[in-house]
Amino acid sequence: MRTRTPWTCTVVLIAASLLGAAGCAGKDSADDRATAAPRTVTPVAGCGARSWSDPADLAPDRKPARCDNGAPAARPLAKKRKITVATGTLSAEYVAPLQVAVAKGEFAKEGLDVELKVLPTPDALPLLAKGDVDAQWAAPEAAVMNGINGGFDIRWVAGNFSPDPSSKSGLWVRLKDGESADHVDMAGRKMGTMIGKGSVIAYPMDTSLKKHGGGLDKIGFQQLGSADVLTALENGGVDSAWLLDPVWRKVDGDKKYAFLGGQPLGEPLGGLLFGPTLLNKDPDAGVAFLRAYVRTVNTYFAGDYKADPAFVAELAKLMKTDEATLRSTPSMRMDWEIRKGTTDRLQQAYADAGVSKGAPVPEAKAVDRAMYAEAVGHSL
């Protein structure tokens, strides 16, 4: 097996993250996966036919996969394993299942000691490829796809959520005189986002912008921290912003702002990324992590979880957010599955924005549904 010195590895990883060059673990880890024996998948109690849906089903009203409350049951690893998960924020609701899984001991039941570490995606990505962090709660953003193209052995292994039809999480604009939600000239405006053109929101954003004379090639971007996006929109630092649940509630109803569109219904655009450690070196721990995540969704987020005031209070405390604001938004449709063609649609948006490098990454090289399938007992 080919090896590199630590110094060389670090240089290559930095170059890969910035330029799309080859990563350290790519070829060797991919070879390990190709030669590994097939994993045995057995039926899982409480996870029947409704625990898996056809990835090709793109219906907006598709019901997300579900097992029974408390399923799949834990199968503790023989040896306790420490797992570090990078996430861009801990205040967004889509991160709540991970926080609840830690707080309720769902990861611990599997023999996993999970640490959630706040790191921006560009900083976390080379660490994930190198194995310094084990997983990343993010999305197949342009930097991720460019990294895979350059040799990073990273896969999108589970989804996170799709919005409730009544949610207004998405593109908000500060209206100018004479404008309304039906008529906004977006060309030349400045957009505030956490990631910029390379974010997965480029896909739904491009759709919304084109309805209003914009397009990703006709607006400017201002990259901001998660806590600064709303502030910049309110004080005029940016003209528009992508606001997540429950942040958009703070401008909803204010006639100075208009909602132009959000994430496609029924289609998660982010979730869990695994690097070579959990994909190849310790797939048992990877499946255990997915099992705990799926169980957390089935136990605490299966339906309208905000109908339980006590649970909303717990979430608000974990997220360090206002309980009333959290309660004012509809429950997300937590969804661990990944739809067919999502990475293709995302990469088309990246190409439109001019941030993709090289040929499009085939879905088979970017997505791995095998671990969450194994967690619910589904054979691919």
Protein backbone atom coordinates (compact mmCIF):
# COMPACT_ATOMS: atom_id res chain seq x y z
CA MET A 1 0.00 0.00 0.00
CA ARG A 2 1.30 3.43 -0.98
CA THR A 3 2.11 5.73 1.95
CA ARG A 4 2.94 9.39 2.44
CA THR A 5 4.68 11.22 5.22
CA PRO A 6 2.40 13.29 7.51
CA TRP A 7 3.91 16.54 6.16
CA THR A 8 3.28 15.55 2.56
CA CYS A 9 -0.25 14.43 3.40
CA THR A 10 -1.08 17.77 4.97
CA VAL A 11 0.20 19.69 1.94
CA VAL A 12 -1.76 17.51 -0.46
CA LEU A 13 -4.95 17.87 1.59
CA ILE A 14 -4.70 21.65 1.67
CA ALA A 15 -4.08 21.74 -2.06
CA ALA A 16 -6.99 19.40 -2.67
CA SER A 17 -9.43 21.44 -0.64
CA LEU A 18 -8.47 24.64 -2.44
CA LEU A 19 -7.82 23.42 -5.96
CA GLY A 20 -9.53 20.07 -6.32
CA ALA A 21 -6.23 18.19 -6.32
CA ALA A 22 -5.84 14.60 -5.20
CA GLY A 23 -6.34 13.77 -1.55
CA CYS A 24 -4.33 11.47 0.67
CA ALA A 25 -6.76 8.69 1.34
CA GLY A 26 -8.56 8.49 -2.00
CA LYS A 27 -7.06 5.64 -4.02
CA ASP A 28 -5.97 3.39 -1.17
CA SER A 29 -9.31 3.66 0.65
CA ALA A 30 -11.28 3.11 -2.54
CA ASP A 31 -9.16 0.01 -3.20
CA ASP A 32 -9.90 -1.21 0.34
CA ARG A 33 -13.64 -0.88 -0.30
CA ALA A 34 -13.42 -2.68 -3.64
CA THR A 35 -11.66 -5.69 -2.08
CA ALA A 36 -13.75 -5.86 1.12
CA ALA A 37 -16.10 -8.81 1.54
CA PRO A 38 -19.83 -8.01 1.15
CA ARG A 39 -21.50 -7.18 4.47
CA THR A 40 -24.28 -9.43 5.72
CA VAL A 41 -27.65 -7.67 5.96
CA THR A 42 -30.38 -9.24 8.10
CA PRO A 43 -33.99 -8.19 8.80
CA VAL A 44 -34.37 -5.71 11.65
CA ALA A 45 -37.26 -5.91 14.12
CA GLY A 46 -39.50 -2.87 13.89
CA CYS A 47 -38.15 -1.87 10.47
CA GLY A 48 -40.36 -3.39 7.80
CA ALA A 49 -41.32 -2.33 4.29
CA ARG A 50 -41.98 1.29 5.28
CA SER A 51 -38.37 1.69 6.52
CA TRP A 52 -37.18 2.01 2.91
CA SER A 53 -38.51 3.96 -0.05
CA ASP A 54 -37.54 3.87 -3.72
CA PRO A 55 -34.85 6.55 -4.21
CA ALA A 56 -36.41 7.34 -7.59
CA ASP A 57 -39.64 8.48 -5.89
CA LEU A 58 -39.39 12.28 -6.11
CA ALA A 59 -43.01 13.06 -5.25
CA PRO A 60 -43.24 16.20 -3.09
CA ASP A 61 -45.77 14.48 -0.80
CA ARG A 62 -43.69 11.32 -0.40
CA LYS A 63 -43.80 10.01 3.15
CA PRO A 64 -40.31 9.65 4.64
CA ALA A 65 -39.15 6.18 5.65
CA ARG A 66 -39.91 5.15 9.22
CA CYS A 67 -39.37 2.27 11.64
CA ASP A 68 -41.26 1.71 14.89
CA ASN A 69 -40.58 3.91 17.90
CA GLY A 70 -37.27 2.72 19.42
CA ALA A 71 -36.18 0.83 16.30
CA PRO A 72 -33.71 -0.26 15.11
CA ALA A 73 -32.56 -1.61 18.46
CA ALA A 74 -28.99 -0.91 19.54
CA ARG A 75 -26.27 -3.46 18.81
CA PRO A 76 -23.36 -2.26 20.96
CA LEU A 77 -19.88 -2.53 19.51
CA ALA A 78 -17.52 -4.88 21.28
CA LYS A 79 -15.16 -1.99 21.95
CA LYS A 80 -16.15 1.60 22.69
CA ARG A 81 -15.39 3.97 19.83
CA LYS A 82 -14.82 7.75 19.89
CA ILE A 83 -16.32 9.57 16.90
CA THR A 84 -15.89 13.26 16.09
CA VAL A 85 -18.53 14.88 13.91
CA ALA A 86 -17.92 18.30 12.38
CA THR A 87 -20.92 20.60 11.91
CA GLY A 88 -21.14 24.18 10.73
CA THR A 89 -23.57 25.13 13.49
CA LEU A 90 -25.38 23.77 16.54
CA SER A 91 -28.15 26.36 16.49
CA ALA A 92 -29.99 25.18 13.36
CA GLU A 93 -32.93 22.82 13.76
CA TYR A 94 -31.66 20.33 11.18
CA VAL A 95 -28.79 19.50 13.55
CA ALA A 96 -31.22 18.68 16.38
CA PRO A 97 -31.36 14.90 15.77
CA LEU A 98 -27.62 14.64 16.42
CA GLN A 99 -27.88 16.77 19.56
CA VAL A 100 -30.81 14.71 20.83
CA ALA A 101 -28.99 11.45 20.04
CA VAL A 102 -26.10 12.63 22.21
CA ALA A 103 -28.31 13.99 25.00
CA LYS A 104 -30.59 10.93 25.12
CA GLY A 105 -27.72 8.44 25.01
CA GLU A 106 -28.67 6.88 21.68
CA PHE A 107 -25.07 6.91 20.44
CA ALA A 108 -23.87 5.64 23.81
CA LYS A 109 -26.19 2.63 23.48
CA GLU A 110 -24.17 1.62 20.41
CA GLY A 111 -20.84 1.95 22.23
CA LEU A 112 -20.10 5.29 20.58
CA ASP A 113 -18.72 8.36 22.31
CA VAL A 114 -19.77 11.12 19.90
CA GLU A 115 -18.41 14.67 19.98
CA LEU A 116 -20.08 17.39 17.88
CA LYS A 117 -17.45 19.94 16.86
CA VAL A 118 -18.35 23.25 15.21
CA LEU A 119 -16.20 23.75 12.08
CA PRO A 120 -16.97 25.51 8.79
CA THR A 121 -17.25 23.11 5.87
CA PRO A 122 -14.07 24.34 4.11
CA ASP A 123 -12.06 23.73 7.31
CA ALA A 124 -13.66 20.38 8.10
CA LEU A 125 -13.48 18.83 4.64
CA PRO A 126 -9.71 18.16 4.46
CA LEU A 127 -9.83 16.91 8.07
CA LEU A 128 -12.57 14.46 7.10
CA ALA A 129 -10.61 13.20 4.10
CA LYS A 130 -7.50 12.78 6.24
CA GLY A 131 -9.38 11.03 9.07
CA ASP A 132 -8.85 13.72 11.72
CA VAL A 133 -12.64 13.95 11.97
CA ASP A 134 -14.77 10.90 11.34
CA ALA A 135 -17.94 12.42 9.93
CA GLN A 136 -19.36 15.72 8.83
CA TRP A 137 -22.94 16.97 9.22
CA ALA A 138 -23.07 19.07 6.09
CA ALA A 139 -24.06 18.52 2.47
CA PRO A 140 -22.59 17.56 -0.91
CA GLU A 141 -21.58 21.16 -1.54
CA ALA A 142 -19.33 22.23 -4.41
CA ALA A 143 -16.21 21.90 -2.25
CA VAL A 144 -17.20 18.32 -1.38
CA MET A 145 -17.82 17.36 -5.01
CA ASN A 146 -14.59 19.03 -6.11
CA GLY A 147 -12.77 17.14 -3.37
CA ILE A 148 -14.24 13.81 -4.49
CA ASN A 149 -13.25 14.65 -8.05
CA GLY A 150 -9.73 15.27 -6.79
CA GLY A 151 -9.40 11.99 -4.90
CA PHE A 152 -11.00 12.51 -1.47
CA ASP A 153 -12.69 9.30 -0.34
CA ILE A 154 -15.87 10.90 0.99
CA ARG A 155 -19.49 9.78 0.55
CA TRP A 156 -22.89 11.24 1.39
CA VAL A 157 -24.33 8.43 3.51
CA ALA A 158 -27.59 9.80 4.97
CA GLY A 159 -30.06 12.62 4.45
CA ASN A 160 -31.27 15.14 7.00
CA PHE A 161 -34.66 16.72 6.27
CA SER A 162 -37.07 18.22 3.80
CA PRO A 163 -39.27 21.17 4.73
CA ASP A 164 -42.91 21.12 5.72
CA PRO A 165 -45.06 22.56 2.89
CA SER A 166 -45.96 25.52 5.10
CA SER A 167 -42.33 26.36 5.91
CA LYS A 168 -40.82 29.57 4.58
CA SER A 169 -37.24 28.50 5.10
CA GLY A 170 -35.45 29.77 2.02
CA LEU A 171 -34.77 32.90 -0.01
CA TRP A 172 -35.84 36.20 1.57
CA VAL A 173 -35.32 39.64 0.06
CA ARG A 174 -35.53 43.18 1.38
CA LEU A 175 -38.04 44.93 -0.87
CA LYS A 176 -37.31 48.20 -2.61
CA ASP A 177 -39.95 50.87 -3.25
CA GLY A 178 -42.59 49.59 -5.63
CA GLU A 179 -41.61 45.93 -5.28
CA SER A 180 -43.72 43.05 -3.99
CA ALA A 181 -43.24 39.30 -3.57
CA ASP A 182 -44.70 38.87 -7.07
CA HIS A 183 -42.33 41.35 -8.67
CA VAL A 184 -38.74 41.63 -7.45
CA ASP A 185 -35.75 42.49 -9.62
CA MET A 186 -32.98 40.29 -8.21
CA ALA A 187 -30.28 41.09 -10.77
CA GLY A 188 -27.36 42.91 -9.15
CA ARG A 189 -28.43 42.21 -5.56
CA LYS A 190 -26.11 40.98 -2.82
CA MET A 191 -26.96 37.65 -1.18
CA GLY A 192 -25.93 36.65 2.35
CA THR A 193 -25.24 32.93 2.91
CA MET A 194 -23.12 30.70 5.14
CA ILE A 195 -21.36 29.02 2.20
CA GLY A 196 -21.79 31.14 -0.94
CA LYS A 197 -22.25 29.96 -4.52
CA GLY A 198 -20.90 26.53 -3.61
CA SER A 199 -23.71 25.74 -1.17
CA VAL A 200 -26.44 23.17 -1.88
CA ILE A 201 -28.95 26.00 -1.66
CA ALA A 202 -27.57 27.09 -5.04
CA TYR A 203 -29.96 24.52 -6.55
CA PRO A 204 -33.27 25.88 -5.15
CA MET A 205 -31.89 29.43 -5.08
CA ASP A 206 -31.14 29.38 -8.81
CA THR A 207 -34.72 28.29 -9.46
CA SER A 208 -36.16 31.13 -7.36
CA LEU A 209 -33.78 33.77 -8.72
CA LYS A 210 -34.59 32.99 -12.34
CA LYS A 211 -38.25 33.69 -11.63
CA HIS A 212 -37.25 37.22 -10.68
CA GLY A 213 -34.73 38.24 -13.33
CA GLY A 214 -31.75 36.94 -11.42
CA GLY A 215 -29.77 33.72 -11.58
CA LEU A 216 -26.61 32.73 -9.78
CA ASP A 217 -24.51 34.53 -12.38
CA LYS A 218 -26.36 37.84 -11.89
CA ILE A 219 -26.05 38.42 -8.14
CA GLY A 220 -23.21 38.95 -5.67
CA PHE A 221 -22.54 36.81 -2.62
CA GLN A 222 -21.48 37.73 0.90
CA GLN A 223 -20.32 34.77 3.00
CA LEU A 224 -21.37 35.18 6.64
CA GLY A 225 -21.45 33.21 9.87
CA SER A 226 -24.72 31.49 10.76
CA ALA A 227 -25.49 34.09 13.45
CA ASP A 228 -24.78 37.02 11.10
CA VAL A 229 -27.00 36.27 8.09
CA LEU A 230 -30.22 37.69 9.56
CA THR A 231 -28.43 40.66 11.08
CA ALA A 232 -26.89 41.58 7.73
CA LEU A 233 -30.29 41.38 6.03
CA GLU A 234 -31.93 43.55 8.69
CA ASN A 235 -29.23 46.25 8.76
CA GLY A 236 -28.86 46.46 4.98
CA GLY A 237 -25.48 44.75 4.75
CA VAL A 238 -27.03 42.40 2.17
CA ASP A 239 -30.18 42.70 0.06
CA SER A 240 -31.27 39.09 0.40
CA ALA A 241 -30.49 35.97 2.43
CA TRP A 242 -31.24 32.30 2.78
CA LEU A 243 -32.94 31.99 6.18
CA LEU A 244 -33.34 28.63 7.93
CA ASP A 245 -35.95 27.41 10.42
CA PRO A 246 -36.75 29.07 12.76
CA VAL A 247 -34.86 32.25 11.80
CA TRP A 248 -37.26 33.26 9.00
CA ARG A 249 -40.05 33.73 11.55
CA LYS A 250 -38.29 36.90 12.72
CA VAL A 251 -39.06 38.63 9.39
CA ASP A 252 -42.26 36.81 8.41
CA GLY A 253 -45.14 39.27 8.34
CA ASP A 254 -42.87 42.31 8.02
CA LYS A 255 -43.85 44.11 4.80
CA LYS A 256 -40.24 45.17 4.21
CA TYR A 257 -39.37 41.57 3.29
CA ALA A 258 -40.67 38.93 0.87
CA PHE A 259 -40.22 35.14 0.65
CA LEU A 260 -39.30 34.03 -2.87
CA GLY A 261 -38.98 30.25 -2.50
CA GLY A 262 -37.33 27.41 -0.62
CA GLN A 263 -35.98 23.88 -0.74
CA PRO A 264 -37.85 21.35 -2.92
CA LEU A 265 -40.40 19.36 -0.92
CA GLY A 266 -39.51 15.74 -0.24
CA GLU A 267 -35.84 16.09 -1.21
CA PRO A 268 -33.13 16.30 1.49
CA LEU A 269 -30.15 18.34 0.30
CA GLY A 270 -27.72 17.49 3.09
CA GLY A 271 -27.01 15.23 6.00
CA LEU A 272 -24.15 12.98 6.94
CA LEU A 273 -20.82 12.66 5.15
CA PHE A 274 -18.39 9.86 6.01
CA GLY A 275 -14.68 9.84 5.27
CA PRO A 276 -12.35 6.85 4.86
CA THR A 277 -12.36 5.95 8.56
CA LEU A 278 -16.05 5.00 8.83
CA LEU A 279 -16.39 3.98 5.19
CA ASN A 280 -13.49 1.54 5.15
CA LYS A 281 -11.43 1.19 8.32
CA ASP A 282 -14.34 0.82 10.75
CA PRO A 283 -17.62 0.31 8.87
CA ASP A 284 -19.15 -1.40 11.93
CA ALA A 285 -18.90 1.92 13.74
CA GLY A 286 -20.33 3.66 10.68
CA VAL A 287 -23.39 1.41 10.66
CA ALA A 288 -23.73 1.81 14.43
CA PHE A 289 -23.74 5.59 14.02
CA LEU A 290 -26.42 5.37 11.32
CA ARG A 291 -28.45 2.97 13.48
CA ALA A 292 -28.44 5.44 16.38
CA TYR A 293 -29.35 8.33 14.08
CA VAL A 294 -32.23 6.41 12.46
CA ARG A 295 -33.49 5.30 15.89
CA THR A 296 -33.40 8.90 17.12
CA VAL A 297 -35.51 10.04 14.17
CA ASN A 298 -38.02 7.22 14.70
CA THR A 299 -38.26 7.82 18.44
CA TYR A 300 -38.23 11.61 18.72
CA PHE A 301 -38.80 13.12 15.24
CA ALA A 302 -41.18 10.67 13.54
CA GLY A 303 -44.02 13.13 12.98
CA ASP A 304 -45.12 16.48 14.33
CA TYR A 305 -42.58 16.54 17.14
CA LYS A 306 -43.42 20.14 17.99
CA ALA A 307 -46.85 19.07 19.20
CA ASP A 308 -45.10 18.05 22.44
CA PRO A 309 -44.40 21.25 24.46
CA ALA A 310 -41.93 19.47 26.74
CA PHE A 311 -39.88 18.24 23.78
CA VAL A 312 -39.89 21.70 22.19
CA ALA A 313 -38.52 23.06 25.47
CA GLU A 314 -35.73 20.45 25.34
CA LEU A 315 -34.90 21.34 21.75
CA ALA A 316 -34.81 25.05 22.50
CA LYS A 317 -32.36 24.42 25.33
CA LEU A 318 -30.12 22.22 23.16
CA MET A 319 -30.18 24.71 20.29
CA LYS A 320 -29.83 27.72 22.60
CA THR A 321 -32.74 29.41 20.85
CA ASP A 322 -36.01 31.03 21.85
CA GLU A 323 -38.67 28.45 22.63
CA ALA A 324 -41.54 30.55 21.28
CA THR A 325 -39.73 31.12 17.96
CA LEU A 326 -38.94 27.42 17.65
CA ARG A 327 -42.57 26.53 18.32
CA SER A 328 -43.76 29.02 15.71
CA THR A 329 -42.32 27.05 12.77
CA PRO A 330 -43.68 23.72 11.48
CA SER A 331 -41.88 20.49 12.28
CA MET A 332 -39.27 19.48 9.74
CA ARG A 333 -39.71 16.19 7.93
CA MET A 334 -36.60 14.44 9.20
CA ASP A 335 -35.49 12.00 6.53
CA TRP A 336 -32.40 9.78 6.53
CA GLU A 337 -32.84 8.66 2.91
CA ILE A 338 -31.21 10.20 -0.18
CA ARG A 339 -33.16 10.78 -3.40
CA LYS A 340 -31.92 9.65 -6.78
CA GLY A 341 -30.30 12.37 -8.90
CA THR A 342 -29.93 14.99 -6.16
CA THR A 343 -26.16 15.24 -6.61
CA ASP A 344 -26.67 15.59 -10.38
CA ARG A 345 -29.07 18.50 -9.88
CA LEU A 346 -26.76 20.13 -7.36
CA GLN A 347 -23.78 19.88 -9.68
CA GLN A 348 -25.75 21.51 -12.49
CA ALA A 349 -26.39 24.47 -10.18
CA TYR A 350 -22.68 24.61 -9.28
CA ALA A 351 -21.84 24.64 -12.97
CA ASP A 352 -24.32 27.49 -13.52
CA ALA A 353 -22.63 29.37 -10.67
CA GLY A 354 -19.15 28.69 -12.06
CA VAL A 355 -17.84 26.93 -8.94
CA SER A 356 -17.54 23.31 -10.12
CA LYS A 357 -14.23 21.87 -11.27
CA GLY A 358 -13.78 19.01 -13.67
CA ALA A 359 -16.37 16.56 -14.94
CA PRO A 360 -19.54 15.94 -12.87
CA VAL A 361 -19.10 13.30 -10.16
CA PRO A 362 -21.31 10.25 -10.86
CA GLU A 363 -23.86 9.56 -8.13
CA ALA A 364 -22.29 6.16 -7.45
CA LYS A 365 -19.05 7.90 -6.50
CA ALA A 366 -20.71 10.51 -4.27
CA VAL A 367 -23.56 8.64 -2.56
CA ASP A 368 -23.53 5.45 -0.47
CA ARG A 369 -26.96 4.25 0.75
CA ALA A 370 -25.62 0.89 1.94
CA MET A 371 -25.07 1.80 5.60
CA TYR A 372 -28.50 3.23 6.32
CA ALA A 373 -29.97 0.34 4.33
CA GLU A 374 -28.12 -2.11 6.59
CA ALA A 375 -29.25 -0.22 9.68
CA VAL A 376 -32.91 -0.88 8.80
CA GLY A 377 -32.30 -4.39 7.42
CA HIS A 378 -32.78 -3.59 3.73
CA SER A 379 -30.68 -5.43 1.14
CA LEU A 380 -29.71 -3.32 -1.87
